[in-house]
Amino acid sequence: ECVNDAYLHLWQAIPPERPICFGAYFLRTVR
């Protein structure tokens, strides 16, 4: 569920955000 919620967060945040380090951004969101 946390990982799926992170996917939703990414979908809603990108755009307008453009993460510099995508992997770290995703894992920080999951964490």
All heavy atoms as atom14 arrays in JSON, in Angstrom:
{
  "sequence": "ECVNDAYLHLWQAIPPERPICFGAYFLRTVR",
  "atom14_mask": [
    [1, 1, 1, 1, 1, 1, 1, 1, 1, 0, 0, 0, 0, 0],
    [1, 1, 1, 1, 1, 1, 0, 0, 0, 0, 0, 0, 0, 0],
    [1, 1, 1, 1, 1, 1, 1, 0, 0, 0, 0, 0, 0, 0],
    [1, 1, 1, 1, 1, 1, 1, 1, 0, 0, 0, 0, 0, 0],
    [1, 1, 1, 1, 1, 1, 1, 1, 0, 0, 0, 0, 0, 0],
    [1, 1, 1, 1, 1, 0, 0, 0, 0, 0, 0, 0, 0, 0],
    [1, 1, 1, 1, 1, 1, 1, 1, 1, 1, 1, 1, 0, 0],
    [1, 1, 1, 1, 1, 1, 1, 1, 0, 0, 0, 0, 0, 0],
    [1, 1, 1, 1, 1, 1, 1, 1, 1, 1, 0, 0, 0, 0],
    [1, 1, 1, 1, 1, 1, 1, 1, 0, 0, 0, 0, 0, 0],
    [1, 1, 1, 1, 1, 1, 1, 1, 1, 1, 1, 1, 1, 1],
    [1, 1, 1, 1, 1, 1, 1, 1, 1, 0, 0, 0, 0, 0],
    [1, 1, 1, 1, 1, 0, 0, 0, 0, 0, 0, 0, 0, 0],
    [1, 1, 1, 1, 1, 1, 1, 1, 0, 0, 0, 0, 0, 0],
    [1, 1, 1, 1, 1, 1, 1, 0, 0, 0, 0, 0, 0, 0],
    [1, 1, 1, 1, 1, 1, 1, 0, 0, 0, 0, 0, 0, 0],
    [1, 1, 1, 1, 1, 1, 1, 1, 1, 0, 0, 0, 0, 0],
    [1, 1, 1, 1, 1, 1, 1, 1, 1, 1, 1, 0, 0, 0],
    [1, 1, 1, 1, 1, 1, 1, 0, 0, 0, 0, 0, 0, 0],
    [1, 1, 1, 1, 1, 1, 1, 1, 0, 0, 0, 0, 0, 0],
    [1, 1, 1, 1, 1, 1, 0, 0, 0, 0, 0, 0, 0, 0],
    [1, 1, 1, 1, 1, 1, 1, 1, 1, 1, 1, 0, 0, 0],
    [1, 1, 1, 1, 0, 0, 0, 0, 0, 0, 0, 0, 0, 0],
    [1, 1, 1, 1, 1, 0, 0, 0, 0, 0, 0, 0, 0, 0],
    [1, 1, 1, 1, 1, 1, 1, 1, 1, 1, 1, 1, 0, 0],
    [1, 1, 1, 1, 1, 1, 1, 1, 1, 1, 1, 0, 0, 0],
    [1, 1, 1, 1, 1, 1, 1, 1, 0, 0, 0, 0, 0, 0],
    [1, 1, 1, 1, 1, 1, 1, 1, 1, 1, 1, 0, 0, 0],
    [1, 1, 1, 1, 1, 1, 1, 0, 0, 0, 0, 0, 0, 0],
    [1, 1, 1, 1, 1, 1, 1, 0, 0, 0, 0, 0, 0, 0],
    [1, 1, 1, 1, 1, 1, 1, 1, 1, 1, 1, 0, 0, 0]
  ],
  "atom14_positions": [
    [[0.83, -1.21, 0.0], [0.0, 0.0, 0.0], [0.86, 1.26, 0.0], [0.54, 2.23, -0.69], [-0.93, 0.01, 1.22], [-2.25, -0.66, 0.96], [-3.25, -0.39, 2.07], [-3.51, 0.8, 2.38], [-3.75, -1.38, 2.63], [0.0, 0.0, 0.0], [0.0, 0.0, 0.0], [0.0, 0.0, 0.0], [0.0, 0.0, 0.0], [0.0, 0.0, 0.0]],
    [[1.93, 1.24, 0.77], [2.83, 2.41, 0.81], [3.44, 2.66, -0.56], [3.52, 3.81, -1.02], [3.94, 2.2, 1.84], [3.36, 2.22, 3.54], [0.0, 0.0, 0.0], [0.0, 0.0, 0.0], [0.0, 0.0, 0.0], [0.0, 0.0, 0.0], [0.0, 0.0, 0.0], [0.0, 0.0, 0.0], [0.0, 0.0, 0.0], [0.0, 0.0, 0.0]],
    [[3.88, 1.6, -1.23], [4.47, 1.74, -2.56], [3.42, 2.25, -3.55], [3.69, 3.16, -4.34], [5.1, 0.41, -3.02], [5.5, 0.47, -4.48], [6.31, 0.07, -2.15], [0.0, 0.0, 0.0], [0.0, 0.0, 0.0], [0.0, 0.0, 0.0], [0.0, 0.0, 0.0], [0.0, 0.0, 0.0], [0.0, 0.0, 0.0], [0.0, 0.0, 0.0]],
    [[2.22, 1.7, -3.49], [1.15, 2.18, -4.38], [0.8, 3.63, -4.1], [0.55, 4.41, -5.03], [-0.08, 1.29, -4.26], [0.13, -0.07, -4.89], [0.95, -0.23, -5.79], [-0.6, -1.07, -4.41], [0.0, 0.0, 0.0], [0.0, 0.0, 0.0], [0.0, 0.0, 0.0], [0.0, 0.0, 0.0], [0.0, 0.0, 0.0], [0.0, 0.0, 0.0]],
    [[0.77, 4.01, -2.83], [0.52, 5.41, -2.48], [1.64, 6.3, -3.01], [1.4, 7.44, -3.41], [0.38, 5.58, -0.97], [-0.92, 5.01, -0.42], [-1.81, 4.66, -1.22], [-1.03, 4.87, 0.82], [0.0, 0.0, 0.0], [0.0, 0.0, 0.0], [0.0, 0.0, 0.0], [0.0, 0.0, 0.0], [0.0, 0.0, 0.0], [0.0, 0.0, 0.0]],
    [[2.86, 5.78, -3.01], [3.99, 6.55, -3.54], [3.84, 6.77, -5.04], [4.14, 7.86, -5.55], [5.31, 5.84, -3.24], [0.0, 0.0, 0.0], [0.0, 0.0, 0.0], [0.0, 0.0, 0.0], [0.0, 0.0, 0.0], [0.0, 0.0, 0.0], [0.0, 0.0, 0.0], [0.0, 0.0, 0.0], [0.0, 0.0, 0.0], [0.0, 0.0, 0.0]],
    [[3.34, 5.75, -5.76], [3.1, 5.92, -7.2], [2.06, 7.02, -7.43], [2.23, 7.87, -8.32], [2.6, 4.63, -7.84], [3.62, 3.5, -7.82], [3.21, 2.19, -7.62], [4.98, 3.74, -7.99], [4.13, 1.16, -7.6], [5.9, 2.71, -7.96], [5.47, 1.42, -7.77], [6.39, 0.4, -7.75], [0.0, 0.0, 0.0], [0.0, 0.0, 0.0]],
    [[1.01, 7.02, -6.62], [-0.01, 8.07, -6.74], [0.6, 9.44, -6.45], [0.33, 10.4, -7.17], [-1.17, 7.79, -5.78], [-2.27, 8.84, -5.74], [-2.95, 8.99, -7.1], [-3.29, 8.51, -4.65], [0.0, 0.0, 0.0], [0.0, 0.0, 0.0], [0.0, 0.0, 0.0], [0.0, 0.0, 0.0], [0.0, 0.0, 0.0], [0.0, 0.0, 0.0]],
    [[1.44, 9.5, -5.41], [2.1, 10.76, -5.08], [2.93, 11.26, -6.26], [2.89, 12.44, -6.6], [2.97, 10.6, -3.83], [3.81, 11.81, -3.56], [3.31, 12.93, -2.93], [5.11, 12.09, -3.86], [4.28, 13.84, -2.85], [5.37, 13.35, -3.41], [0.0, 0.0, 0.0], [0.0, 0.0, 0.0], [0.0, 0.0, 0.0], [0.0, 0.0, 0.0]],
    [[3.7, 10.35, -6.87], [4.51, 10.73, -8.03], [3.63, 11.25, -9.15], [3.95, 12.27, -9.79], [5.33, 9.54, -8.53], [6.45, 9.03, -7.64], [7.1, 7.81, -8.27], [7.49, 10.1, -7.38], [0.0, 0.0, 0.0], [0.0, 0.0, 0.0], [0.0, 0.0, 0.0], [0.0, 0.0, 0.0], [0.0, 0.0, 0.0], [0.0, 0.0, 0.0]],
    [[2.54, 10.56, -9.4], [1.62, 10.95, -10.48], [1.08, 12.37, -10.24], [0.95, 13.16, -11.18], [0.48, 9.94, -10.58], [-0.37, 10.15, -11.79], [-1.56, 10.8, -11.85], [-0.08, 9.71, -13.12], [-2.04, 10.79, -13.15], [-1.14, 10.12, -13.95], [0.98, 9.0, -13.69], [-1.18, 9.85, -15.3], [0.93, 8.73, -15.04], [-0.14, 9.16, -15.83]],
    [[0.81, 12.68, -8.99], [0.26, 13.99, -8.67], [1.34, 15.07, -8.59], [1.06, 16.24, -8.83], [-0.5, 13.93, -7.34], [-1.75, 13.08, -7.43], [-2.4, 12.84, -6.08], [-1.76, 12.94, -5.03], [-3.67, 12.49, -6.1], [0.0, 0.0, 0.0], [0.0, 0.0, 0.0], [0.0, 0.0, 0.0], [0.0, 0.0, 0.0], [0.0, 0.0, 0.0]],
    [[2.57, 14.69, -8.27], [3.64, 15.68, -8.06], [4.44, 16.0, -9.32], [5.03, 17.07, -9.43], [4.59, 15.18, -6.97], [0.0, 0.0, 0.0], [0.0, 0.0, 0.0], [0.0, 0.0, 0.0], [0.0, 0.0, 0.0], [0.0, 0.0, 0.0], [0.0, 0.0, 0.0], [0.0, 0.0, 0.0], [0.0, 0.0, 0.0], [0.0, 0.0, 0.0]],
    [[4.49, 15.05, -10.27], [5.26, 15.25, -11.49], [4.28, 15.34, -12.65], [3.65, 14.33, -12.97], [6.25, 14.09, -11.74], [7.16, 13.9, -10.53], [7.06, 14.33, -13.0], [8.03, 12.66, -10.61], [0.0, 0.0, 0.0], [0.0, 0.0, 0.0], [0.0, 0.0, 0.0], [0.0, 0.0, 0.0], [0.0, 0.0, 0.0], [0.0, 0.0, 0.0]],
    [[4.17, 16.4, -13.41], [4.63, 17.72, -13.09], [3.82, 18.35, -11.95], [2.78, 17.8, -11.63], [4.43, 18.47, -14.4], [3.36, 17.74, -15.14], [3.4, 16.32, -14.62], [0.0, 0.0, 0.0], [0.0, 0.0, 0.0], [0.0, 0.0, 0.0], [0.0, 0.0, 0.0], [0.0, 0.0, 0.0], [0.0, 0.0, 0.0], [0.0, 0.0, 0.0]],
    [[4.18, 19.43, -11.39], [5.17, 20.41, -11.78], [6.6, 20.1, -11.3], [7.54, 20.67, -11.82], [4.68, 21.69, -11.13], [4.0, 21.23, -9.89], [3.38, 19.9, -10.25], [0.0, 0.0, 0.0], [0.0, 0.0, 0.0], [0.0, 0.0, 0.0], [0.0, 0.0, 0.0], [0.0, 0.0, 0.0], [0.0, 0.0, 0.0], [0.0, 0.0, 0.0]],
    [[6.76, 19.21, -10.29], [8.11, 18.92, -9.82], [8.87, 18.12, -10.85], [8.3, 17.35, -11.61], [8.06, 18.11, -8.51], [7.69, 18.94, -7.3], [7.91, 18.17, -6.02], [9.0, 17.59, -5.85], [6.97, 18.14, -5.21], [0.0, 0.0, 0.0], [0.0, 0.0, 0.0], [0.0, 0.0, 0.0], [0.0, 0.0, 0.0], [0.0, 0.0, 0.0]],
    [[10.19, 18.31, -10.84], [11.08, 17.51, -11.68], [12.25, 17.11, -10.78], [13.24, 17.83, -10.69], [11.56, 18.3, -12.88], [12.34, 17.46, -13.88], [12.79, 18.24, -15.1], [11.71, 18.62, -15.99], [11.27, 17.86, -16.99], [11.8, 16.7, -17.21], [10.3, 18.28, -17.76], [0.0, 0.0, 0.0], [0.0, 0.0, 0.0], [0.0, 0.0, 0.0]],
    [[12.13, 15.94, -10.12], [13.16, 15.52, -9.17], [14.52, 15.37, -9.84], [14.62, 14.87, -10.97], [12.67, 14.16, -8.68], [11.28, 14.0, -9.15], [11.06, 14.96, -10.25], [0.0, 0.0, 0.0], [0.0, 0.0, 0.0], [0.0, 0.0, 0.0], [0.0, 0.0, 0.0], [0.0, 0.0, 0.0], [0.0, 0.0, 0.0], [0.0, 0.0, 0.0]],
    [[15.55, 15.8, -9.13], [16.91, 15.69, -9.65], [17.37, 14.23, -9.61], [17.92, 13.72, -10.55], [17.86, 16.59, -8.84], [17.48, 18.06, -9.05], [19.31, 16.34, -9.25], [18.18, 19.02, -8.16], [0.0, 0.0, 0.0], [0.0, 0.0, 0.0], [0.0, 0.0, 0.0], [0.0, 0.0, 0.0], [0.0, 0.0, 0.0], [0.0, 0.0, 0.0]],
    [[17.11, 13.58, -8.5], [17.47, 12.16, -8.34], [16.17, 11.39, -8.11], [15.68, 11.28, -7.0], [18.44, 11.98, -7.18], [19.01, 10.29, -7.0], [0.0, 0.0, 0.0], [0.0, 0.0, 0.0], [0.0, 0.0, 0.0], [0.0, 0.0, 0.0], [0.0, 0.0, 0.0], [0.0, 0.0, 0.0], [0.0, 0.0, 0.0], [0.0, 0.0, 0.0]],
    [[15.63, 10.87, -9.19], [14.3, 10.25, -9.17], [14.22, 9.08, -8.19], [13.26, 8.96, -7.43], [13.91, 9.81, -10.58], [12.55, 9.17, -10.64], [11.41, 9.94, -10.55], [12.42, 7.79, -10.75], [10.14, 9.36, -10.59], [11.17, 7.2, -10.8], [10.03, 7.99, -10.72], [0.0, 0.0, 0.0], [0.0, 0.0, 0.0], [0.0, 0.0, 0.0]],
    [[15.23, 8.2, -8.21], [15.21, 7.03, -7.32], [15.16, 7.43, -5.85], [14.38, 6.89, -5.07], [0.0, 0.0, 0.0], [0.0, 0.0, 0.0], [0.0, 0.0, 0.0], [0.0, 0.0, 0.0], [0.0, 0.0, 0.0], [0.0, 0.0, 0.0], [0.0, 0.0, 0.0], [0.0, 0.0, 0.0], [0.0, 0.0, 0.0], [0.0, 0.0, 0.0]],
    [[15.98, 8.4, -5.48], [15.99, 8.87, -4.1], [14.66, 9.54, -3.74], [14.14, 9.37, -2.64], [17.14, 9.85, -3.88], [0.0, 0.0, 0.0], [0.0, 0.0, 0.0], [0.0, 0.0, 0.0], [0.0, 0.0, 0.0], [0.0, 0.0, 0.0], [0.0, 0.0, 0.0], [0.0, 0.0, 0.0], [0.0, 0.0, 0.0], [0.0, 0.0, 0.0]],
    [[14.11, 10.29, -4.69], [12.82, 10.95, -4.48], [11.72, 9.92, -4.23], [10.93, 10.04, -3.29], [12.49, 11.81, -5.71], [11.2, 12.58, -5.61], [11.14, 13.79, -4.92], [10.03, 12.11, -6.21], [9.96, 14.51, -4.84], [8.85, 12.82, -6.12], [8.82, 14.03, -5.44], [7.65, 14.73, -5.35], [0.0, 0.0, 0.0], [0.0, 0.0, 0.0]],
    [[11.7, 8.87, -5.05], [10.7, 7.81, -4.89], [10.88, 7.1, -3.55], [9.91, 6.91, -2.8], [10.8, 6.8, -6.04], [9.94, 5.59, -5.85], [8.56, 5.69, -5.94], [10.5, 4.36, -5.54], [7.75, 4.57, -5.74], [9.7, 3.24, -5.34], [8.33, 3.34, -5.45], [0.0, 0.0, 0.0], [0.0, 0.0, 0.0], [0.0, 0.0, 0.0]],
    [[12.11, 6.71, -3.22], [12.34, 5.98, -1.97], [12.06, 6.85, -0.75], [11.55, 6.36, 0.26], [13.76, 5.41, -1.93], [14.02, 4.3, -2.95], [15.5, 3.92, -2.95], [13.15, 3.09, -2.68], [0.0, 0.0, 0.0], [0.0, 0.0, 0.0], [0.0, 0.0, 0.0], [0.0, 0.0, 0.0], [0.0, 0.0, 0.0], [0.0, 0.0, 0.0]],
    [[12.37, 8.13, -0.82], [12.04, 9.03, 0.29], [10.53, 9.12, 0.47], [10.02, 9.13, 1.59], [12.63, 10.41, 0.06], [12.43, 11.33, 1.27], [12.91, 12.72, 1.01], [12.02, 13.32, 0.02], [12.35, 14.33, -0.75], [13.53, 14.87, -0.7], [11.48, 14.82, -1.61], [0.0, 0.0, 0.0], [0.0, 0.0, 0.0], [0.0, 0.0, 0.0]],
    [[9.81, 9.15, -0.64], [8.34, 9.19, -0.58], [7.81, 7.93, 0.07], [6.95, 7.98, 0.95], [7.75, 9.38, -2.0], [8.27, 10.59, -2.56], [6.25, 9.43, -1.96], [0.0, 0.0, 0.0], [0.0, 0.0, 0.0], [0.0, 0.0, 0.0], [0.0, 0.0, 0.0], [0.0, 0.0, 0.0], [0.0, 0.0, 0.0], [0.0, 0.0, 0.0]],
    [[8.31, 6.77, -0.36], [7.89, 5.49, 0.22], [8.19, 5.47, 1.71], [7.34, 5.09, 2.54], [8.59, 4.29, -0.48], [8.36, 3.0, 0.29], [8.12, 4.16, -1.91], [0.0, 0.0, 0.0], [0.0, 0.0, 0.0], [0.0, 0.0, 0.0], [0.0, 0.0, 0.0], [0.0, 0.0, 0.0], [0.0, 0.0, 0.0], [0.0, 0.0, 0.0]],
    [[9.39, 5.89, 2.07], [9.81, 5.89, 3.48], [8.9, 6.78, 4.33], [8.45, 6.39, 5.4], [11.25, 6.36, 3.57], [11.84, 6.32, 4.95], [13.33, 6.63, 4.88], [13.95, 6.49, 6.16], [14.07, 7.47, 7.04], [13.62, 8.67, 6.76], [14.66, 7.25, 8.19], [0.0, 0.0, 0.0], [0.0, 0.0, 0.0], [0.0, 0.0, 0.0]]
  ]
}
